[in-house]
């Protein structure tokens, strides 16, 4: 089942790029959260036909943690910490 990906309210450029690539890799849909509440993000995901959401948060400009939410079941797991991210380009 594809995921709907969203970020914290003010994500860094790196976090947005990583989440965009992750959504593409997993055939999900990405949308920057902006000022939307969690409920508004869940509603937009539902309108797209997706019920599971991956929220990616950052700290000091780097992706720091992820949380998964299901529109029917609520939060699926505890927060998952992201220990390190290294960006690379394909073909290198």
PDB file of N, CA and C in Angstrom:
ATOM      1  N   UNK A   1       0.847  -1.179   0.000  1.00  0.00           N
ATOM      2  CA  UNK A   1       0.000   0.000   0.000  1.00  0.00           C
ATOM      3  C   UNK A   1       0.895   1.247   0.000  1.00  0.00           C
ATOM      4  N   UNK A   2       0.713   2.137  -0.961  1.00  0.00           N
ATOM      5  CA  UNK A   2       1.520   3.357  -1.030  1.00  0.00           C
ATOM      6  C   UNK A   2       1.286   4.252   0.186  1.00  0.00           C
ATOM      7  N   UNK A   3       2.277   5.039   0.499  1.00  0.00           N
ATOM      8  CA  UNK A   3       2.205   5.967   1.620  1.00  0.00           C
ATOM      9  C   UNK A   3       2.068   7.395   1.127  1.00  0.00           C
ATOM     10  N   UNK A   4       1.480   8.216   1.942  1.00  0.00           N
ATOM     11  CA  UNK A   4       1.410   9.653   1.723  1.00  0.00           C
ATOM     12  C   UNK A   4       2.493  10.243   2.624  1.00  0.00           C
ATOM     13  N   UNK A   5       3.431  10.969   2.067  1.00  0.00           N
ATOM     14  CA  UNK A   5       4.547  11.518   2.831  1.00  0.00           C
ATOM     15  C   UNK A   5       4.340  12.995   3.072  1.00  0.00           C
ATOM     16  N   UNK A   6       4.637  13.424   4.288  1.00  0.00           N
ATOM     17  CA  UNK A   6       4.573  14.835   4.619  1.00  0.00           C
ATOM     18  C   UNK A   6       5.728  15.156   5.557  1.00  0.00           C
ATOM     19  N   UNK A   7       6.014  16.435   5.699  1.00  0.00           N
ATOM     20  CA  UNK A   7       7.143  16.874   6.503  1.00  0.00           C
ATOM     21  C   UNK A   7       6.659  17.652   7.723  1.00  0.00           C
ATOM     22  N   UNK A   8       7.610  18.125   8.503  1.00  0.00           N
ATOM     23  CA  UNK A   8       7.281  19.034   9.590  1.00  0.00           C
ATOM     24  C   UNK A   8       6.842  20.365   8.983  1.00  0.00           C
ATOM     25  N   UNK A   9       6.447  21.291   9.798  1.00  0.00           N
ATOM     26  CA  UNK A   9       5.915  22.544   9.264  1.00  0.00           C
ATOM     27  C   UNK A   9       6.936  23.380   8.510  1.00  0.00           C
ATOM     28  N   UNK A  10       8.170  23.411   8.966  1.00  0.00           N
ATOM     29  CA  UNK A  10       9.211  24.201   8.291  1.00  0.00           C
ATOM     30  C   UNK A  10      10.422  23.308   8.027  1.00  0.00           C
ATOM     31  N   UNK A  11      10.320  22.408   7.053  1.00  0.00           N
ATOM     32  CA  UNK A  11      11.436  21.493   6.793  1.00  0.00           C
ATOM     33  C   UNK A  11      12.580  22.182   6.055  1.00  0.00           C
ATOM     34  N   UNK A  12      13.764  21.642   6.230  1.00  0.00           N
ATOM     35  CA  UNK A  12      14.926  22.151   5.496  1.00  0.00           C
ATOM     36  C   UNK A  12      14.852  21.667   4.046  1.00  0.00           C
ATOM     37  N   UNK A  13      15.669  22.262   3.196  1.00  0.00           N
ATOM     38  CA  UNK A  13      15.741  21.837   1.797  1.00  0.00           C
ATOM     39  C   UNK A  13      16.159  20.372   1.705  1.00  0.00           C
ATOM     40  N   UNK A  14      17.127  19.966   2.540  1.00  0.00           N
ATOM     41  CA  UNK A  14      17.595  18.585   2.530  1.00  0.00           C
ATOM     42  C   UNK A  14      16.469  17.625   2.889  1.00  0.00           C
ATOM     43  N   UNK A  15      15.713  17.951   3.924  1.00  0.00           N
ATOM     44  CA  UNK A  15      14.609  17.080   4.334  1.00  0.00           C
ATOM     45  C   UNK A  15      13.574  16.969   3.227  1.00  0.00           C
ATOM     46  N   UNK A  16      13.236  18.068   2.587  1.00  0.00           N
ATOM     47  CA  UNK A  16      12.270  18.022   1.477  1.00  0.00           C
ATOM     48  C   UNK A  16      12.778  17.148   0.340  1.00  0.00           C
ATOM     49  N   UNK A  17      14.059  17.292  -0.010  1.00  0.00           N
ATOM     50  CA  UNK A  17      14.626  16.469  -1.095  1.00  0.00           C
ATOM     51  C   UNK A  17      14.605  14.990  -0.741  1.00  0.00           C
ATOM     52  N   UNK A  18      15.008  14.660   0.479  1.00  0.00           N
ATOM     53  CA  UNK A  18      15.049  13.259   0.908  1.00  0.00           C
ATOM     54  C   UNK A  18      13.648  12.657   0.894  1.00  0.00           C
ATOM     55  N   UNK A  19      12.667  13.377   1.425  1.00  0.00           N
ATOM     56  CA  UNK A  19      11.301  12.853   1.488  1.00  0.00           C
ATOM     57  C   UNK A  19      10.715  12.724   0.084  1.00  0.00           C
ATOM     58  N   UNK A  20      10.995  13.673  -0.786  1.00  0.00           N
ATOM     59  CA  UNK A  20      10.523  13.589  -2.172  1.00  0.00           C
ATOM     60  C   UNK A  20      11.078  12.337  -2.851  1.00  0.00           C
ATOM     61  N   UNK A  21      12.373  12.081  -2.651  1.00  0.00           N
ATOM     62  CA  UNK A  21      12.990  10.895  -3.242  1.00  0.00           C
ATOM     63  C   UNK A  21      12.449   9.616  -2.614  1.00  0.00           C
ATOM     64  N   UNK A  22      12.245   9.617  -1.322  1.00  0.00           N
ATOM     65  CA  UNK A  22      11.694   8.448  -0.637  1.00  0.00           C
ATOM     66  C   UNK A  22      10.293   8.135  -1.147  1.00  0.00           C
ATOM     67  N   UNK A  23       9.471   9.162  -1.320  1.00  0.00           N
ATOM     68  CA  UNK A  23       8.117   8.967  -1.850  1.00  0.00           C
ATOM     69  C   UNK A  23       8.172   8.396  -3.269  1.00  0.00           C
ATOM     70  N   UNK A  24       9.073   8.897  -4.086  1.00  0.00           N
ATOM     71  CA  UNK A  24       9.215   8.374  -5.447  1.00  0.00           C
ATOM     72  C   UNK A  24       9.675   6.926  -5.456  1.00  0.00           C
ATOM     73  N   UNK A  25      10.617   6.613  -4.596  1.00  0.00           N
ATOM     74  CA  UNK A  25      11.141   5.256  -4.506  1.00  0.00           C
ATOM     75  C   UNK A  25      10.069   4.257  -4.082  1.00  0.00           C
ATOM     76  N   UNK A  26       9.214   4.671  -3.142  1.00  0.00           N
ATOM     77  CA  UNK A  26       8.171   3.783  -2.615  1.00  0.00           C
ATOM     78  C   UNK A  26       6.834   3.969  -3.311  1.00  0.00           C
ATOM     79  N   UNK A  27       6.827   4.717  -4.414  1.00  0.00           N
ATOM     80  CA  UNK A  27       5.627   4.975  -5.208  1.00  0.00           C
ATOM     81  C   UNK A  27       4.505   5.591  -4.380  1.00  0.00           C
ATOM     82  N   UNK A  28       4.899   6.487  -3.505  1.00  0.00           N
ATOM     83  CA  UNK A  28       3.930   7.197  -2.683  1.00  0.00           C
ATOM     84  C   UNK A  28       3.707   8.598  -3.220  1.00  0.00           C
ATOM     85  N   UNK A  29       3.033   9.405  -2.433  1.00  0.00           N
ATOM     86  CA  UNK A  29       2.767  10.787  -2.818  1.00  0.00           C
ATOM     87  C   UNK A  29       3.360  11.687  -1.744  1.00  0.00           C
ATOM     88  N   UNK A  30       4.043  12.763  -2.163  1.00  0.00           N
ATOM     89  CA  UNK A  30       4.663  13.699  -1.239  1.00  0.00           C
ATOM     90  C   UNK A  30       3.958  15.038  -1.304  1.00  0.00           C
ATOM     91  N   UNK A  31       3.781  15.636  -0.138  1.00  0.00           N
ATOM     92  CA  UNK A  31       3.269  16.991  -0.083  1.00  0.00           C
ATOM     93  C   UNK A  31       3.886  17.695   1.115  1.00  0.00           C
ATOM     94  N   UNK A  32       4.414  18.892   0.881  1.00  0.00           N
ATOM     95  CA  UNK A  32       4.958  19.689   1.971  1.00  0.00           C
ATOM     96  C   UNK A  32       3.809  20.089   2.895  1.00  0.00           C
ATOM     97  N   UNK A  33       4.005  19.967   4.180  1.00  0.00           N
ATOM     98  CA  UNK A  33       2.928  20.203   5.138  1.00  0.00           C
ATOM     99  C   UNK A  33       2.526  21.666   5.242  1.00  0.00           C
ATOM    100  N   UNK A  34       3.481  22.556   5.297  1.00  0.00           N
ATOM    101  CA  UNK A  34       3.153  23.964   5.464  1.00  0.00           C
ATOM    102  C   UNK A  34       2.468  24.216   6.795  1.00  0.00           C
ATOM    103  N   UNK A  35       1.400  24.986   6.808  1.00  0.00           N
ATOM    104  CA  UNK A  35       0.697  25.325   8.050  1.00  0.00           C
ATOM    105  C   UNK A  35      -0.443  24.362   8.371  1.00  0.00           C
ATOM    106  N   UNK A  36      -0.568  23.274   7.615  1.00  0.00           N
ATOM    107  CA  UNK A  36      -1.669  22.342   7.828  1.00  0.00           C
ATOM    108  C   UNK A  36      -1.502  21.572   9.142  1.00  0.00           C
ATOM    109  N   UNK A  37      -2.603  21.287   9.773  1.00  0.00           N
ATOM    110  CA  UNK A  37      -2.594  20.443  10.970  1.00  0.00           C
ATOM    111  C   UNK A  37      -2.486  18.982  10.539  1.00  0.00           C
ATOM    112  N   UNK A  38      -2.220  18.112  11.483  1.00  0.00           N
ATOM    113  CA  UNK A  38      -2.164  16.680  11.193  1.00  0.00           C
ATOM    114  C   UNK A  38      -3.480  16.175  10.628  1.00  0.00           C
ATOM    115  N   UNK A  39      -4.594  16.691  11.136  1.00  0.00           N
ATOM    116  CA  UNK A  39      -5.907  16.279  10.649  1.00  0.00           C
ATOM    117  C   UNK A  39      -6.117  16.702   9.197  1.00  0.00           C
ATOM    118  N   UNK A  40      -5.642  17.895   8.853  1.00  0.00           N
ATOM    119  CA  UNK A  40      -5.765  18.365   7.467  1.00  0.00           C
ATOM    120  C   UNK A  40      -4.907  17.520   6.527  1.00  0.00           C
ATOM    121  N   UNK A  41      -3.728  17.124   6.985  1.00  0.00           N
ATOM    122  CA  UNK A  41      -2.869  16.264   6.168  1.00  0.00           C
ATOM    123  C   UNK A  41      -3.556  14.921   5.956  1.00  0.00           C
ATOM    124  N   UNK A  42      -4.154  14.364   7.021  1.00  0.00           N
ATOM    125  CA  UNK A  42      -4.864  13.084   6.911  1.00  0.00           C
ATOM    126  C   UNK A  42      -6.042  13.202   5.946  1.00  0.00           C
ATOM    127  N   UNK A  43      -6.742  14.323   5.970  1.00  0.00           N
ATOM    128  CA  UNK A  43      -7.875  14.529   5.059  1.00  0.00           C
ATOM    129  C   UNK A  43      -7.405  14.598   3.605  1.00  0.00           C
ATOM    130  N   UNK A  44      -6.294  15.296   3.356  1.00  0.00           N
ATOM    131  CA  UNK A  44      -5.756  15.396   1.993  1.00  0.00           C
ATOM    132  C   UNK A  44      -5.262  14.035   1.508  1.00  0.00           C
ATOM    133  N   UNK A  45      -4.674  13.256   2.415  1.00  0.00           N
ATOM    134  CA  UNK A  45      -4.232  11.909   2.047  1.00  0.00           C
ATOM    135  C   UNK A  45      -5.434  11.058   1.663  1.00  0.00           C
ATOM    136  N   UNK A  46      -6.501  11.164   2.445  1.00  0.00           N
ATOM    137  CA  UNK A  46      -7.723  10.405   2.176  1.00  0.00           C
ATOM    138  C   UNK A  46      -8.323  10.801   0.823  1.00  0.00           C
ATOM    139  N   UNK A  47      -8.298  12.086   0.497  1.00  0.00           N
ATOM    140  CA  UNK A  47      -8.802  12.553  -0.789  1.00  0.00           C
ATOM    141  C   UNK A  47      -7.974  11.998  -1.947  1.00  0.00           C
ATOM    142  N   UNK A  48      -6.709  11.669  -1.664  1.00  0.00           N
ATOM    143  CA  UNK A  48      -5.831  11.080  -2.687  1.00  0.00           C
ATOM    144  C   UNK A  48      -5.968   9.570  -2.744  1.00  0.00           C
ATOM    145  N   UNK A  49      -6.819   9.009  -1.889  1.00  0.00           N
ATOM    146  CA  UNK A  49      -7.026   7.567  -1.864  1.00  0.00           C
ATOM    147  C   UNK A  49      -6.016   6.829  -1.004  1.00  0.00           C
ATOM    148  N   UNK A  50      -5.290   7.543  -0.156  1.00  0.00           N
ATOM    149  CA  UNK A  50      -4.285   6.928   0.713  1.00  0.00           C
ATOM    150  C   UNK A  50      -4.673   7.121   2.174  1.00  0.00           C
ATOM    151  N   UNK A  51      -4.508   6.073   2.978  1.00  0.00           N
ATOM    152  CA  UNK A  51      -4.873   6.197   4.388  1.00  0.00           C
ATOM    153  C   UNK A  51      -3.662   6.202   5.314  1.00  0.00           C
ATOM    154  N   UNK A  52      -2.507   5.767   4.825  1.00  0.00           N
ATOM    155  CA  UNK A  52      -1.311   5.734   5.667  1.00  0.00           C
ATOM    156  C   UNK A  52      -0.389   6.896   5.325  1.00  0.00           C
ATOM    157  N   UNK A  53       0.087   7.551   6.391  1.00  0.00           N
ATOM    158  CA  UNK A  53       0.909   8.744   6.233  1.00  0.00           C
ATOM    159  C   UNK A  53       2.224   8.553   6.971  1.00  0.00           C
ATOM    160  N   UNK A  54       3.303   8.992   6.350  1.00  0.00           N
ATOM    161  CA  UNK A  54       4.620   9.021   6.982  1.00  0.00           C
ATOM    162  C   UNK A  54       4.989  10.484   7.184  1.00  0.00           C
ATOM    163  N   UNK A  55       5.072  10.917   8.444  1.00  0.00           N
ATOM    164  CA  UNK A  55       5.510  12.270   8.762  1.00  0.00           C
ATOM    165  C   UNK A  55       7.011  12.228   9.021  1.00  0.00           C
ATOM    166  N   UNK A  56       7.767  13.074   8.335  1.00  0.00           N
ATOM    167  CA  UNK A  56       9.218  13.130   8.517  1.00  0.00           C
ATOM    168  C   UNK A  56       9.554  14.480   9.148  1.00  0.00           C
ATOM    169  N   UNK A  57      10.238  14.426  10.287  1.00  0.00           N
ATOM    170  CA  UNK A  57      10.611  15.623  11.027  1.00  0.00           C
ATOM    171  C   UNK A  57      12.114  15.839  10.928  1.00  0.00           C
ATOM    172  N   UNK A  58      12.534  17.098  11.054  1.00  0.00           N
ATOM    173  CA  UNK A  58      13.972  17.351  11.017  1.00  0.00           C
ATOM    174  C   UNK A  58      14.414  18.141  12.242  1.00  0.00           C
ATOM    175  N   UNK A  59      15.726  18.118  12.450  1.00  0.00           N
ATOM    176  CA  UNK A  59      16.344  18.871  13.531  1.00  0.00           C
ATOM    177  C   UNK A  59      17.677  19.381  13.002  1.00  0.00           C
ATOM    178  N   UNK A  60      17.937  20.640  13.207  1.00  0.00           N
ATOM    179  CA  UNK A  60      19.177  21.272  12.736  1.00  0.00           C
ATOM    180  C   UNK A  60      19.400  21.055  11.242  1.00  0.00           C
ATOM    181  N   UNK A  61      18.324  21.057  10.477  1.00  0.00           N
ATOM    182  CA  UNK A  61      18.429  20.958   9.023  1.00  0.00           C
ATOM    183  C   UNK A  61      18.557  19.557   8.461  1.00  0.00           C
ATOM    184  N   UNK A  62      18.525  18.527   9.314  1.00  0.00           N
ATOM    185  CA  UNK A  62      18.664  17.147   8.863  1.00  0.00           C
ATOM    186  C   UNK A  62      17.453  16.319   9.264  1.00  0.00           C
ATOM    187  N   UNK A  63      17.040  15.371   8.415  1.00  0.00           N
ATOM    188  CA  UNK A  63      15.949  14.477   8.812  1.00  0.00           C
ATOM    189  C   UNK A  63      16.318  13.804  10.136  1.00  0.00           C
ATOM    190  N   UNK A  64      15.393  13.805  11.086  1.00  0.00           N
ATOM    191  CA  UNK A  64      15.681  13.328  12.432  1.00  0.00           C
ATOM    192  C   UNK A  64      14.800  12.166  12.871  1.00  0.00           C
ATOM    193  N   UNK A  65      13.533  12.179  12.462  1.00  0.00           N
ATOM    194  CA  UNK A  65      12.629  11.117  12.898  1.00  0.00           C
ATOM    195  C   UNK A  65      11.450  10.983  11.943  1.00  0.00           C
ATOM    196  N   UNK A  66      10.777   9.827  12.054  1.00  0.00           N
ATOM    197  CA  UNK A  66       9.597   9.548  11.246  1.00  0.00           C
ATOM    198  C   UNK A  66       8.520   8.968  12.156  1.00  0.00           C
ATOM    199  N   UNK A  67       7.277   9.278  11.847  1.00  0.00           N
ATOM    200  CA  UNK A  67       6.136   8.682  12.521  1.00  0.00           C
ATOM    201  C   UNK A  67       5.123   8.278  11.467  1.00  0.00           C
ATOM    202  N   UNK A  68       4.466   7.140  11.705  1.00  0.00           N
ATOM    203  CA  UNK A  68       3.498   6.612  10.752  1.00  0.00           C
ATOM    204  C   UNK A  68       2.103   6.673  11.349  1.00  0.00           C
ATOM    205  N   UNK A  69       1.149   7.100  10.516  1.00  0.00           N
ATOM    206  CA  UNK A  69      -0.236   7.276  10.951  1.00  0.00           C
ATOM    207  C   UNK A  69      -1.158   6.595   9.956  1.00  0.00           C
ATOM    208  N   UNK A  70      -2.178   5.912  10.460  1.00  0.00           N
ATOM    209  CA  UNK A  70      -3.198   5.303   9.620  1.00  0.00           C
ATOM    210  C   UNK A  70      -4.530   5.950   9.970  1.00  0.00           C
ATOM    211  N   UNK A  71      -5.271   6.374   8.956  1.00  0.00           N
ATOM    212  CA  UNK A  71      -6.544   7.056   9.175  1.00  0.00           C
ATOM    213  C   UNK A  71      -7.553   6.252   9.969  1.00  0.00           C
ATOM    214  N   UNK A  72      -7.458   4.928   9.943  1.00  0.00           N
ATOM    215  CA  UNK A  72      -8.406   4.063  10.660  1.00  0.00           C
ATOM    216  C   UNK A  72      -7.865   3.580  12.000  1.00  0.00           C
ATOM    217  N   UNK A  73      -6.552   3.333  12.066  1.00  0.00           N
ATOM    218  CA  UNK A  73      -5.956   2.741  13.260  1.00  0.00           C
ATOM    219  C   UNK A  73      -5.234   3.741  14.155  1.00  0.00           C
ATOM    220  N   UNK A  74      -4.984   4.948  13.679  1.00  0.00           N
ATOM    221  CA  UNK A  74      -4.237   5.941  14.451  1.00  0.00           C
ATOM    222  C   UNK A  74      -2.740   5.756  14.250  1.00  0.00           C
ATOM    223  N   UNK A  75      -1.960   6.148  15.245  1.00  0.00           N
ATOM    224  CA  UNK A  75      -0.501   6.040  15.146  1.00  0.00           C
ATOM    225  C   UNK A  75      -0.111   4.572  15.135  1.00  0.00           C
ATOM    226  N   UNK A  76       0.742   4.185  14.182  1.00  0.00           N
ATOM    227  CA  UNK A  76       1.082   2.777  13.988  1.00  0.00           C
ATOM    228  C   UNK A  76       2.267   2.312  14.822  1.00  0.00           C
ATOM    229  N   UNK A  77       3.162   3.198  15.177  1.00  0.00           N
ATOM    230  CA  UNK A  77       4.354   2.791  15.923  1.00  0.00           C
ATOM    231  C   UNK A  77       4.909   3.996  16.661  1.00  0.00           C
ATOM    232  N   UNK A  78       5.841   3.715  17.522  1.00  0.00           N
ATOM    233  CA  UNK A  78       6.551   4.796  18.178  1.00  0.00           C
ATOM    234  C   UNK A  78       7.363   5.552  17.137  1.00  0.00           C
ATOM    235  N   UNK A  79       7.888   6.661  17.526  1.00  0.00           N
ATOM    236  CA  UNK A  79       8.735   7.454  16.643  1.00  0.00           C
ATOM    237  C   UNK A  79       9.972   6.650  16.240  1.00  0.00           C
ATOM    238  N   UNK A  80      10.325   6.731  14.972  1.00  0.00           N
ATOM    239  CA  UNK A  80      11.518   6.059  14.467  1.00  0.00           C
ATOM    240  C   UNK A  80      12.586   7.119  14.246  1.00  0.00           C
ATOM    241  N   UNK A  81      13.718   6.956  14.899  1.00  0.00           N
ATOM    242  CA  UNK A  81      14.818   7.914  14.769  1.00  0.00           C
ATOM    243  C   UNK A  81      15.610   7.667  13.488  1.00  0.00           C
ATOM    244  N   UNK A  82      15.976   8.733  12.829  1.00  0.00           N
ATOM    245  CA  UNK A  82      16.839   8.664  11.658  1.00  0.00           C
ATOM    246  C   UNK A  82      18.223   9.078  12.148  1.00  0.00           C
ATOM    247  N   UNK A  83      19.172   8.145  12.112  1.00  0.00           N
ATOM    248  CA  UNK A  83      20.490   8.413  12.681  1.00  0.00           C
ATOM    249  C   UNK A  83      21.415   9.173  11.749  1.00  0.00           C
ATOM    250  N   UNK A  84      21.238   9.010  10.480  1.00  0.00           N
ATOM    251  CA  UNK A  84      22.088   9.729   9.538  1.00  0.00           C
ATOM    252  C   UNK A  84      21.580   9.576   8.122  1.00  0.00           C
ATOM    253  N   UNK A  85      21.730  10.606   7.352  1.00  0.00           N
ATOM    254  CA  UNK A  85      21.294  10.578   5.963  1.00  0.00           C
ATOM    255  C   UNK A  85      22.439  11.108   5.116  1.00  0.00           C
ATOM    256  N   UNK A  86      22.755  10.388   4.086  1.00  0.00           N
ATOM    257  CA  UNK A  86      23.764  10.851   3.150  1.00  0.00           C
ATOM    258  C   UNK A  86      23.129  10.891   1.782  1.00  0.00           C
ATOM    259  N   UNK A  87      23.127  12.043   1.185  1.00  0.00           N
ATOM    260  CA  UNK A  87      22.508  12.232  -0.127  1.00  0.00           C
ATOM    261  C   UNK A  87      23.529  11.910  -1.213  1.00  0.00           C
ATOM    262  N   UNK A  88      23.099  11.211  -2.227  1.00  0.00           N
ATOM    263  CA  UNK A  88      23.979  10.916  -3.345  1.00  0.00           C
ATOM    264  C   UNK A  88      23.174  10.967  -4.625  1.00  0.00           C
ATOM    265  N   UNK A  89      23.873  11.103  -5.725  1.00  0.00           N
ATOM    266  CA  UNK A  89      23.219  11.119  -7.028  1.00  0.00           C
ATOM    267  C   UNK A  89      23.409   9.781  -7.699  1.00  0.00           C
ATOM    268  N   UNK A  90      22.406   9.330  -8.410  1.00  0.00           N
ATOM    269  CA  UNK A  90      22.493   8.054  -9.125  1.00  0.00           C
ATOM    270  C   UNK A  90      23.610   8.111 -10.157  1.00  0.00           C
ATOM    271  N   UNK A  91      24.282   6.984 -10.326  1.00  0.00           N
ATOM    272  CA  UNK A  91      25.341   6.917 -11.306  1.00  0.00           C
ATOM    273  C   UNK A  91      26.707   7.270 -10.773  1.00  0.00           C
ATOM    274  N   UNK A  92      26.791   7.581  -9.491  1.00  0.00           N
ATOM    275  CA  UNK A  92      28.087   7.929  -8.882  1.00  0.00           C
ATOM    276  C   UNK A  92      28.507   6.841  -7.919  1.00  0.00           C
TER     277      UNK A  92
END
